[in-house]
PDB file of N, CA and C in Angstrom:
ATOM      1  N   MET A   1      10.768 -50.765-120.640  1.00  0.00           N
ATOM      2  CA  MET A   1      11.031 -50.852-122.249  1.00  0.00           C
ATOM      3  C   MET A   1      10.163 -51.828-122.706  1.00  0.00           C
ATOM      4  N   LYS A   2       9.106 -51.823-123.327  1.00  0.00           N
ATOM      5  CA  LYS A   2       8.738 -52.646-123.653  1.00  0.00           C
ATOM      6  C   LYS A   2       9.088 -53.443-125.308  1.00  0.00           C
ATOM      7  N   LEU A   3       9.405 -55.085-125.395  1.00  0.00           N
ATOM      8  CA  LEU A   3       9.337 -55.543-126.446  1.00  0.00           C
ATOM      9  C   LEU A   3       8.106 -56.331-127.663  1.00  0.00           C
ATOM     10  N   ASN A   4       8.245 -55.628-128.705  1.00  0.00           N
ATOM     11  CA  ASN A   4       7.835 -56.284-129.391  1.00  0.00           C
ATOM     12  C   ASN A   4       8.391 -57.439-130.448  1.00  0.00           C
ATOM     13  N   LEU A   5       8.151 -58.554-130.416  1.00  0.00           N
ATOM     14  CA  LEU A   5       8.426 -59.285-131.329  1.00  0.00           C
ATOM     15  C   LEU A   5       7.898 -59.627-132.849  1.00  0.00           C
ATOM     16  N   ASN A   6       6.681 -58.863-133.199  1.00  0.00           N
ATOM     17  CA  ASN A   6       6.728 -58.370-134.705  1.00  0.00           C
ATOM     18  C   ASN A   6       7.060 -57.523-135.252  1.00  0.00           C
ATOM     19  N   SER A   7       7.736 -56.971-134.874  1.00  0.00           N
ATOM     20  CA  SER A   7       8.819 -55.511-135.412  1.00  0.00           C
ATOM     21  C   SER A   7       9.672 -56.501-136.320  1.00  0.00           C
ATOM     22  N   ILE A   8      10.527 -55.708-137.243  1.00  0.00           N
ATOM     23  CA  ILE A   8      11.279 -56.527-137.821  1.00  0.00           C
ATOM     24  C   ILE A   8      12.651 -56.185-136.996  1.00  0.00           C
ATOM     25  N   SER A   9      13.045 -54.857-136.557  1.00  0.00           N
ATOM     26  CA  SER A   9      13.991 -54.722-135.816  1.00  0.00           C
ATOM     27  C   SER A   9      14.217 -56.054-134.323  1.00  0.00           C
ATOM     28  N   SER A  10      12.991 -56.231-133.949  1.00  0.00           N
ATOM     29  CA  SER A  10      13.671 -57.299-133.095  1.00  0.00           C
ATOM     30  C   SER A  10      13.862 -58.823-133.516  1.00  0.00           C
ATOM     31  N   LYS A  11      12.852 -58.825-134.604  1.00  0.00           N
ATOM     32  CA  LYS A  11      13.073 -60.257-135.003  1.00  0.00           C
ATOM     33  C   LYS A  11      14.651 -60.451-135.795  1.00  0.00           C
ATOM     34  N   LEU A  12      15.339 -59.143-136.261  1.00  0.00           N
ATOM     35  CA  LEU A  12      16.567 -59.154-136.988  1.00  0.00           C
ATOM     36  C   LEU A  12      17.595 -59.476-135.722  1.00  0.00           C
ATOM     37  N   MET A  13      16.900 -58.458-134.527  1.00  0.00           N
ATOM     38  CA  MET A  13      17.882 -58.642-133.600  1.00  0.00           C
ATOM     39  C   MET A  13      17.876 -60.364-132.852  1.00  0.00           C
ATOM     40  N   MET A  14      16.743 -60.866-132.651  1.00  0.00           N
ATOM     41  CA  MET A  14      16.620 -62.078-132.169  1.00  0.00           C
ATOM     42  C   MET A  14      17.418 -63.506-133.376  1.00  0.00           C
ATOM     43  N   GLY A  15      17.588 -63.014-134.847  1.00  0.00           N
ATOM     44  CA  GLY A  15      18.235 -63.815-135.316  1.00  0.00           C
ATOM     45  C   GLY A  15      19.798 -63.253-135.631  1.00  0.00           C
ATOM     46  N   GLY A  16      19.883 -62.074-135.177  1.00  0.00           N
ATOM     47  CA  GLY A  16      21.407 -61.958-134.687  1.00  0.00           C
ATOM     48  C   GLY A  16      22.438 -62.741-133.489  1.00  0.00           C
ATOM     49  N   VAL A  17      21.273 -62.543-132.797  1.00  0.00           N
ATOM     50  CA  VAL A  17      21.625 -63.550-131.261  1.00  0.00           C
ATOM     51  C   VAL A  17      22.222 -64.768-131.248  1.00  0.00           C
ATOM     52  N   VAL A  18      20.717 -65.700-132.493  1.00  0.00           N
ATOM     53  CA  VAL A  18      20.849 -66.940-132.262  1.00  0.00           C
ATOM     54  C   VAL A  18      21.835 -67.223-133.805  1.00  0.00           C
ATOM     55  N   ILE A  19      22.517 -66.638-134.448  1.00  0.00           N
ATOM     56  CA  ILE A  19      23.037 -66.735-135.702  1.00  0.00           C
ATOM     57  C   ILE A  19      24.960 -66.689-134.687  1.00  0.00           C
ATOM     58  N   ALA A  20      24.896 -66.122-133.473  1.00  0.00           N
ATOM     59  CA  ALA A  20      26.026 -65.649-132.768  1.00  0.00           C
ATOM     60  C   ALA A  20      26.315 -66.935-131.268  1.00  0.00           C
ATOM     61  N   LEU A  21      25.256 -66.712-130.998  1.00  0.00           N
ATOM     62  CA  LEU A  21      25.017 -68.191-130.195  1.00  0.00           C
ATOM     63  C   LEU A  21      25.441 -69.333-130.585  1.00  0.00           C
ATOM     64  N   VAL A  22      24.932 -69.728-131.502  1.00  0.00           N
ATOM     65  CA  VAL A  22      24.852 -71.171-131.669  1.00  0.00           C
ATOM     66  C   VAL A  22      26.383 -71.852-132.135  1.00  0.00           C
ATOM     67  N   PRO A  23      27.604 -70.905-132.599  1.00  0.00           N
ATOM     68  CA  PRO A  23      28.994 -71.311-132.820  1.00  0.00           C
ATOM     69  C   PRO A  23      29.458 -71.474-131.979  1.00  0.00           C
ATOM     70  N   MET A  24      28.939 -69.992-130.605  1.00  0.00           N
ATOM     71  CA  MET A  24      29.825 -70.315-129.642  1.00  0.00           C
ATOM     72  C   MET A  24      29.454 -71.582-129.247  1.00  0.00           C
ATOM     73  N   VAL A  25      28.532 -71.757-128.651  1.00  0.00           N
ATOM     74  CA  VAL A  25      27.664 -72.632-128.438  1.00  0.00           C
ATOM     75  C   VAL A  25      28.591 -74.184-128.653  1.00  0.00           C
ATOM     76  N   ILE A  26      28.539 -74.030-129.506  1.00  0.00           N
ATOM     77  CA  ILE A  26      29.046 -75.341-130.610  1.00  0.00           C
ATOM     78  C   ILE A  26      30.817 -75.231-130.603  1.00  0.00           C
ATOM     79  N   ILE A  27      31.488 -74.270-130.385  1.00  0.00           N
ATOM     80  CA  ILE A  27      33.088 -74.113-130.379  1.00  0.00           C
ATOM     81  C   ILE A  27      33.160 -74.776-128.827  1.00  0.00           C
ATOM     82  N   GLY A  28      32.443 -73.563-127.811  1.00  0.00           N
ATOM     83  CA  GLY A  28      32.966 -74.296-126.131  1.00  0.00           C
ATOM     84  C   GLY A  28      32.710 -75.858-126.195  1.00  0.00           C
ATOM     85  N   GLY A  29      31.763 -76.582-126.903  1.00  0.00           N
ATOM     86  CA  GLY A  29      31.483 -77.689-126.542  1.00  0.00           C
ATOM     87  C   GLY A  29      32.307 -78.814-127.146  1.00  0.00           C
ATOM     88  N   LEU A  30      33.001 -78.217-128.291  1.00  0.00           N
ATOM     89  CA  LEU A  30      34.972 -78.892-128.969  1.00  0.00           C
ATOM     90  C   LEU A  30      35.535 -78.702-127.809  1.00  0.00           C
ATOM     91  N   SER A  31      35.680 -77.237-127.566  1.00  0.00           N
ATOM     92  CA  SER A  31      36.547 -77.331-126.897  1.00  0.00           C
ATOM     93  C   SER A  31      37.103 -77.765-125.807  1.00  0.00           C
ATOM     94  N   TYR A  32      35.391 -78.017-124.784  1.00  0.00           N
ATOM     95  CA  TYR A  32      35.698 -78.541-123.785  1.00  0.00           C
ATOM     96  C   TYR A  32      35.736 -79.839-124.022  1.00  0.00           C
ATOM     97  N   SER A  33      35.357 -80.679-124.808  1.00  0.00           N
ATOM     98  CA  SER A  33      35.887 -82.319-125.428  1.00  0.00           C
ATOM     99  C   SER A  33      37.315 -82.190-125.390  1.00  0.00           C
ATOM    100  N   LYS A  34      37.511 -81.578-126.265  1.00  0.00           N
ATOM    101  CA  LYS A  34      39.226 -81.747-126.987  1.00  0.00           C
ATOM    102  C   LYS A  34      40.010 -81.323-125.333  1.00  0.00           C
ATOM    103  N   ALA A  35      39.479 -80.682-124.702  1.00  0.00           N
ATOM    104  CA  ALA A  35      40.325 -79.725-122.899  1.00  0.00           C
ATOM    105  C   ALA A  35      40.416 -81.516-121.925  1.00  0.00           C
ATOM    106  N   GLY A  36      39.270 -81.979-121.936  1.00  0.00           N
ATOM    107  CA  GLY A  36      39.046 -82.981-121.356  1.00  0.00           C
ATOM    108  C   GLY A  36      39.913 -84.143-122.136  1.00  0.00           C
ATOM    109  N   SER A  37      39.753 -84.655-122.843  1.00  0.00           N
ATOM    110  CA  SER A  37      40.511 -85.944-123.553  1.00  0.00           C
ATOM    111  C   SER A  37      42.418 -85.382-123.703  1.00  0.00           C
ATOM    112  N   ALA A  38      42.607 -83.696-123.728  1.00  0.00           N
ATOM    113  CA  ALA A  38      43.683 -83.913-123.649  1.00  0.00           C
ATOM    114  C   ALA A  38      44.713 -84.015-122.454  1.00  0.00           C
ATOM    115  N   LEU A  39      43.851 -83.815-121.468  1.00  0.00           N
ATOM    116  CA  LEU A  39      43.958 -83.981-119.827  1.00  0.00           C
ATOM    117  C   LEU A  39      44.114 -84.734-119.491  1.00  0.00           C
ATOM    118  N   MET A  40      43.304 -86.054-119.824  1.00  0.00           N
ATOM    119  CA  MET A  40      43.537 -87.414-119.642  1.00  0.00           C
ATOM    120  C   MET A  40      44.393 -88.064-120.309  1.00  0.00           C
ATOM    121  N   ASP A  41      44.710 -87.841-121.487  1.00  0.00           N
ATOM    122  CA  ASP A  41      46.302 -88.374-121.801  1.00  0.00           C
ATOM    123  C   ASP A  41      47.229 -87.643-120.751  1.00  0.00           C
ATOM    124  N   LEU A  42      47.821 -86.469-120.954  1.00  0.00           N
ATOM    125  CA  LEU A  42      48.661 -86.062-120.161  1.00  0.00           C
ATOM    126  C   LEU A  42      48.879 -87.047-119.212  1.00  0.00           C
ATOM    127  N   SER A  43      47.573 -86.704-118.435  1.00  0.00           N
ATOM    128  CA  SER A  43      47.826 -87.702-116.845  1.00  0.00           C
ATOM    129  C   SER A  43      48.215 -88.898-116.709  1.00  0.00           C
ATOM    130  N   SER A  44      47.614 -89.698-118.095  1.00  0.00           N
ATOM    131  CA  SER A  44      47.851 -90.956-118.030  1.00  0.00           C
ATOM    132  C   SER A  44      49.839 -90.902-118.507  1.00  0.00           C
ATOM    133  N   GLU A  45      50.196 -90.141-119.483  1.00  0.00           N
ATOM    134  CA  GLU A  45      51.796 -90.321-119.560  1.00  0.00           C
ATOM    135  C   GLU A  45      52.370 -89.978-118.222  1.00  0.00           C
ATOM    136  N   GLN A  46      52.006 -89.006-117.312  1.00  0.00           N
ATOM    137  CA  GLN A  46      52.772 -88.821-116.049  1.00  0.00           C
ATOM    138  C   GLN A  46      52.810 -89.452-115.420  1.00  0.00           C
ATOM    139  N   SER A  47      51.268 -90.525-115.494  1.00  0.00           N
ATOM    140  CA  SER A  47      51.633 -91.570-114.367  1.00  0.00           C
ATOM    141  C   SER A  47      52.594 -92.525-114.997  1.00  0.00           C
ATOM    142  N   GLN A  48      52.060 -92.919-116.339  1.00  0.00           N
ATOM    143  CA  GLN A  48      53.334 -93.966-116.488  1.00  0.00           C
ATOM    144  C   GLN A  48      54.802 -93.603-116.471  1.00  0.00           C
ATOM    145  N   GLY A  49      55.219 -92.439-116.794  1.00  0.00           N
ATOM    146  CA  GLY A  49      56.497 -92.486-116.257  1.00  0.00           C
ATOM    147  C   GLY A  49      57.162 -91.945-114.660  1.00  0.00           C
ATOM    148  N   ILE A  50      55.984 -91.574-113.444  1.00  0.00           N
ATOM    149  CA  ILE A  50      55.685 -91.899-112.370  1.00  0.00           C
ATOM    150  C   ILE A  50      56.050 -93.654-112.220  1.00  0.00           C
ATOM    151  N   ALA A  51      55.328 -93.887-112.349  1.00  0.00           N
ATOM    152  CA  ALA A  51      55.540 -95.359-112.355  1.00  0.00           C
ATOM    153  C   ALA A  51      57.024 -96.475-113.366  1.00  0.00           C
ATOM    154  N   SER A  52      57.741 -95.380-114.382  1.00  0.00           N
ATOM    155  CA  SER A  52      58.883 -95.624-114.415  1.00  0.00           C
ATOM    156  C   SER A  52      59.584 -96.247-113.499  1.00  0.00           C
ATOM    157  N   ASP A  53      59.912 -94.171-113.087  1.00  0.00           N
ATOM    158  CA  ASP A  53      60.842 -94.431-112.435  1.00  0.00           C
ATOM    159  C   ASP A  53      60.840 -94.204-110.693  1.00  0.00           C
ATOM    160  N   LEU A  54      59.767 -95.023-110.832  1.00  0.00           N
ATOM    161  CA  LEU A  54      59.951 -96.220-109.203  1.00  0.00           C
ATOM    162  C   LEU A  54      60.204 -97.057-109.256  1.00  0.00           C
ATOM    163  N   ALA A  55      59.316 -97.670-110.698  1.00  0.00           N
ATOM    164  CA  ALA A  55      60.484 -99.013-110.832  1.00  0.00           C
ATOM    165  C   ALA A  55      61.833 -99.196-110.567  1.00  0.00           C
ATOM    166  N   HIS A  56      62.455 -98.345-111.671  1.00  0.00           N
ATOM    167  CA  HIS A  56      63.892 -98.038-111.807  1.00  0.00           C
ATOM    168  C   HIS A  56      64.069 -97.842-110.279  1.00  0.00           C
ATOM    169  N   THR A  57      63.690 -96.691-109.355  1.00  0.00           N
ATOM    170  CA  THR A  57      64.306 -96.814-108.009  1.00  0.00           C
ATOM    171  C   THR A  57      64.417 -97.941-107.036  1.00  0.00           C
ATOM    172  N   ILE A  58      63.304 -98.688-107.129  1.00  0.00           N
ATOM    173  CA  ILE A  58      63.146-100.202-106.481  1.00  0.00           C
ATOM    174  C   ILE A  58      64.098-101.329-106.954  1.00  0.00           C
ATOM    175  N   ASN A  59      64.520-100.757-108.337  1.00  0.00           N
ATOM    176  CA  ASN A  59      65.224-102.058-108.762  1.00  0.00           C
ATOM    177  C   ASN A  59      66.391-101.248-107.950  1.00  0.00           C
ATOM    178  N   ALA A  60      67.413-100.804-108.528  1.00  0.00           N
ATOM    179  CA  ALA A  60      68.611 -99.986-107.874  1.00  0.00           C
ATOM    180  C   ALA A  60      68.415-100.617-105.682  1.00  0.00           C
ATOM    181  N   ILE A  61      67.266-100.274-104.987  1.00  0.00           N
ATOM    182  CA  ILE A  61      67.135-100.353-103.867  1.00  0.00           C
ATOM    183  C   ILE A  61      67.454-102.204-103.864  1.00  0.00           C
ATOM    184  N   LEU A  62      66.816-102.239-104.601  1.00  0.00           N
ATOM    185  CA  LEU A  62      66.868-104.402-104.525  1.00  0.00           C
ATOM    186  C   LEU A  62      68.192-104.395-104.747  1.00  0.00           C
ATOM    187  N   GLN A  63      68.836-104.138-105.727  1.00  0.00           N
ATOM    188  CA  GLN A  63      70.210-104.072-106.206  1.00  0.00           C
ATOM    189  C   GLN A  63      71.691-104.188-105.730  1.00  0.00           C
ATOM    190  N   ALA A  64      71.009-102.742-104.473  1.00  0.00           N
ATOM    191  CA  ALA A  64      72.290-102.617-103.263  1.00  0.00           C
ATOM    192  C   ALA A  64      72.048-103.612-102.193  1.00  0.00           C
ATOM    193  N   GLU A  65      70.405-104.209-101.845  1.00  0.00           N
ATOM    194  CA  GLU A  65      70.698-104.899-101.045  1.00  0.00           C
ATOM    195  C   GLU A  65      70.856-106.567-101.466  1.00  0.00           C
ATOM    196  N   ILE A  66      70.994-106.660-102.310  1.00  0.00           N
ATOM    197  CA  ILE A  66      71.715-108.356-102.852  1.00  0.00           C
ATOM    198  C   ILE A  66      73.331-107.791-102.688  1.00  0.00           C
ATOM    199  N   GLY A  67      73.442-106.831-103.077  1.00  0.00           N
ATOM    200  CA  GLY A  67      74.789-107.273-103.175  1.00  0.00           C
ATOM    201  C   GLY A  67      75.204-106.944-101.808  1.00  0.00           C
ATOM    202  N   LYS A  68      74.799-106.489-100.797  1.00  0.00           N
ATOM    203  CA  LYS A  68      75.074-106.172 -99.446  1.00  0.00           C
ATOM    204  C   LYS A  68      74.996-107.994 -98.337  1.00  0.00           C
ATOM    205  N   ALA A  69      73.982-108.393 -99.531  1.00  0.00           N
ATOM    206  CA  ALA A  69      73.735-109.553 -98.512  1.00  0.00           C
ATOM    207  C   ALA A  69      74.852-111.029 -99.166  1.00  0.00           C
ATOM    208  N   ALA A  70      75.366-110.242-100.685  1.00  0.00           N
ATOM    209  CA  ALA A  70      76.164-111.303-101.146  1.00  0.00           C
ATOM    210  C   ALA A  70      77.432-111.049-100.223  1.00  0.00           C
ATOM    211  N   SER A  71      77.965-109.642 -99.906  1.00  0.00           N
ATOM    212  CA  SER A  71      78.985-109.341 -98.896  1.00  0.00           C
ATOM    213  C   SER A  71      79.150-109.573 -97.889  1.00  0.00           C
ATOM    214  N   MET A  72      77.917-110.173 -97.001  1.00  0.00           N
ATOM    215  CA  MET A  72      77.406-110.247 -95.830  1.00  0.00           C
ATOM    216  C   MET A  72      77.736-111.883 -95.854  1.00  0.00           C
ATOM    217  N   ALA A  73      77.543-112.734 -97.166  1.00  0.00           N
ATOM    218  CA  ALA A  73      77.381-114.075 -96.762  1.00  0.00           C
ATOM    219  C   ALA A  73      79.166-114.678 -97.327  1.00  0.00           C
ATOM    220  N   ALA A  74      79.898-113.989 -97.892  1.00  0.00           N
ATOM    221  CA  ALA A  74      81.034-113.918 -98.289  1.00  0.00           C
ATOM    222  C   ALA A  74      82.238-114.269 -97.173  1.00  0.00           C
ATOM    223  N   GLN A  75      81.467-113.434 -95.953  1.00  0.00           N
ATOM    224  CA  GLN A  75      82.373-113.194 -95.282  1.00  0.00           C
ATOM    225  C   GLN A  75      82.909-114.965 -94.363  1.00  0.00           C
ATOM    226  N   ARG A  76      83.899-114.958 -93.718  1.00  0.00           N
ATOM    227  CA  ARG A  76      84.219-115.845 -93.134  1.00  0.00           C
ATOM    228  C   ARG A  76      83.686-116.315 -91.334  1.00  0.00           C
ATOM    229  N   GLU A  77      83.241-114.933 -90.903  1.00  0.00           N
ATOM    230  CA  GLU A  77      82.828-115.149 -89.900  1.00  0.00           C
ATOM    231  C   GLU A  77      81.135-115.905 -90.105  1.00  0.00           C
ATOM    232  N   MET A  78      80.601-115.129 -91.069  1.00  0.00           N
ATOM    233  CA  MET A  78      79.374-115.400 -91.381  1.00  0.00           C
ATOM    234  C   MET A  78      78.776-117.402 -92.267  1.00  0.00           C
ATOM    235  N   ILE A  79      80.005-117.544 -92.544  1.00  0.00           N
ATOM    236  CA  ILE A  79      79.899-118.866 -93.114  1.00  0.00           C
ATOM    237  C   ILE A  79      80.234-119.637 -91.955  1.00  0.00           C
ATOM    238  N   GLU A  80      81.196-119.535 -91.157  1.00  0.00           N
ATOM    239  CA  GLU A  80      81.190-120.878 -89.640  1.00  0.00           C
ATOM    240  C   GLU A  80      80.013-120.958 -88.973  1.00  0.00           C
ATOM    241  N   LEU A  81      79.273-119.115 -88.669  1.00  0.00           N
ATOM    242  CA  LEU A  81      78.152-119.354 -87.829  1.00  0.00           C
ATOM    243  C   LEU A  81      76.907-119.812 -88.714  1.00  0.00           C
ATOM    244  N   THR A  82      76.831-119.652 -90.193  1.00  0.00           N
ATOM    245  CA  THR A  82      76.035-120.700 -90.834  1.00  0.00           C
ATOM    246  C   THR A  82      76.201-121.958 -90.884  1.00  0.00           C
ATOM    247  N   ALA A  83      77.144-122.839 -90.156  1.00  0.00           N
ATOM    248  CA  ALA A  83      78.085-124.096 -90.613  1.00  0.00           C
ATOM    249  C   ALA A  83      77.545-124.423 -89.094  1.00  0.00           C
ATOM    250  N   ALA A  84      77.767-123.203 -87.724  1.00  0.00           N
ATOM    251  CA  ALA A  84      77.412-124.252 -86.550  1.00  0.00           C
ATOM    252  C   ALA A  84      76.087-124.453 -86.152  1.00  0.00           C
ATOM    253  N   VAL A  85      75.193-123.182 -87.022  1.00  0.00           N
ATOM    254  CA  VAL A  85      73.338-123.460 -86.904  1.00  0.00           C
ATOM    255  C   VAL A  85      72.936-124.522 -87.341  1.00  0.00           C
ATOM    256  N   GLU A  86      73.648-124.821 -88.412  1.00  0.00           N
ATOM    257  CA  GLU A  86      73.168-125.820 -89.520  1.00  0.00           C
ATOM    258  C   GLU A  86      73.537-127.404 -88.829  1.00  0.00           C
ATOM    259  N   THR A  87      74.607-127.370 -87.760  1.00  0.00           N
ATOM    260  CA  THR A  87      75.477-128.655 -86.890  1.00  0.00           C
ATOM    261  C   THR A  87      74.397-128.820 -85.827  1.00  0.00           C
ATOM    262  N   ASP A  88      74.310-127.348 -84.873  1.00  0.00           N
ATOM    263  CA  ASP A  88      74.008-127.134 -83.813  1.00  0.00           C
ATOM    264  C   ASP A  88      72.397-126.721 -83.345  1.00  0.00           C
ATOM    265  N   GLY A  89      72.549-126.120 -84.304  1.00  0.00           N
ATOM    266  CA  GLY A  89      71.032-125.327 -83.734  1.00  0.00           C
ATOM    267  C   GLY A  89      71.240-123.951 -83.712  1.00  0.00           C
ATOM    268  N   VAL A  90      70.167-123.467 -83.915  1.00  0.00           N
ATOM    269  CA  VAL A  90      69.890-122.068 -83.188  1.00  0.00           C
ATOM    270  C   VAL A  90      70.366-121.845 -81.805  1.00  0.00           C
ATOM    271  N   GLU A  91      69.464-122.535 -81.096  1.00  0.00           N
ATOM    272  CA  GLU A  91      69.565-122.294 -79.727  1.00  0.00           C
ATOM    273  C   GLU A  91      70.882-122.909 -78.953  1.00  0.00           C
ATOM    274  N   ALA A  92      72.154-123.711 -79.548  1.00  0.00           N
ATOM    275  CA  ALA A  92      73.456-124.015 -79.239  1.00  0.00           C
ATOM    276  C   ALA A  92      74.121-122.875 -79.551  1.00  0.00           C
ATOM    277  N   CYS A  93      74.489-122.363 -80.746  1.00  0.00           N
ATOM    278  CA  CYS A  93      75.031-120.874 -81.255  1.00  0.00           C
ATOM    279  C   CYS A  93      74.357-119.351 -80.247  1.00  0.00           C
ATOM    280  N   GLY A  94      73.628-119.503 -79.436  1.00  0.00           N
ATOM    281  CA  GLY A  94      73.483-118.436 -79.060  1.00  0.00           C
ATOM    282  C   GLY A  94      74.577-117.370 -78.792  1.00  0.00           C
ATOM    283  N   ASP A  95      75.465-117.776 -78.419  1.00  0.00           N
ATOM    284  CA  ASP A  95      76.307-117.230 -77.790  1.00  0.00           C
ATOM    285  C   ASP A  95      77.181-116.529 -79.238  1.00  0.00           C
ATOM    286  N   LEU A  96      77.246-117.371 -79.856  1.00  0.00           N
ATOM    287  CA  LEU A  96      77.910-117.251 -81.310  1.00  0.00           C
ATOM    288  C   LEU A  96      77.133-116.302 -82.272  1.00  0.00           C
ATOM    289  N   ILE A  97      76.501-116.114 -82.015  1.00  0.00           N
ATOM    290  CA  ILE A  97      75.655-115.118 -83.013  1.00  0.00           C
ATOM    291  C   ILE A  97      75.206-114.118 -82.014  1.00  0.00           C
ATOM    292  N   LYS A  98      75.369-113.881 -80.766  1.00  0.00           N
ATOM    293  CA  LYS A  98      75.402-112.715 -79.861  1.00  0.00           C
ATOM    294  C   LYS A  98      76.516-112.003 -80.567  1.00  0.00           C
ATOM    295  N   GLY A  99      77.679-112.436 -80.766  1.00  0.00           N
ATOM    296  CA  GLY A  99      79.425-112.466 -80.910  1.00  0.00           C
ATOM    297  C   GLY A  99      79.749-112.525 -79.879  1.00  0.00           C
ATOM    298  N   ASP A 100      79.948-112.824 -78.603  1.00  0.00           N
ATOM    299  CA  ASP A 100      79.985-112.530 -77.466  1.00  0.00           C
ATOM    300  C   ASP A 100      81.324-113.871 -77.549  1.00  0.00           C
ATOM    301  N   CYS A 101      81.077-114.494 -78.223  1.00  0.00           N
ATOM    302  CA  CYS A 101      82.120-115.837 -77.910  1.00  0.00           C
ATOM    303  C   CYS A 101      83.057-115.877 -78.783  1.00  0.00           C
ATOM    304  N   ARG A 102      83.607-114.776 -79.142  1.00  0.00           N
ATOM    305  CA  ARG A 102      84.785-114.362 -79.802  1.00  0.00           C
ATOM    306  C   ARG A 102      85.626-113.936 -79.314  1.00  0.00           C
TER     307      ARG A 102
END
């Protein structure tokens, strides 16, 4: 089929195609731009949420470890061991540290 570009029907068809394609291209570009910015916003919010959750988890773990350390520091045996190491040194208190001398 030969296309005659000088005929009125081919000019109308080309005009119709152009009139249909221009808005589609503009709307497609805008949609792509909006979708990209929406995805960036969503990923930023999710990463902030994940970081916040991790910070709370780490804080809870550290508080638990601080509690354990405080509990151990309050034990009579630990206080005696610390005093012995302070006065005699680590080498002299080897058996006491291992727990064999009790």
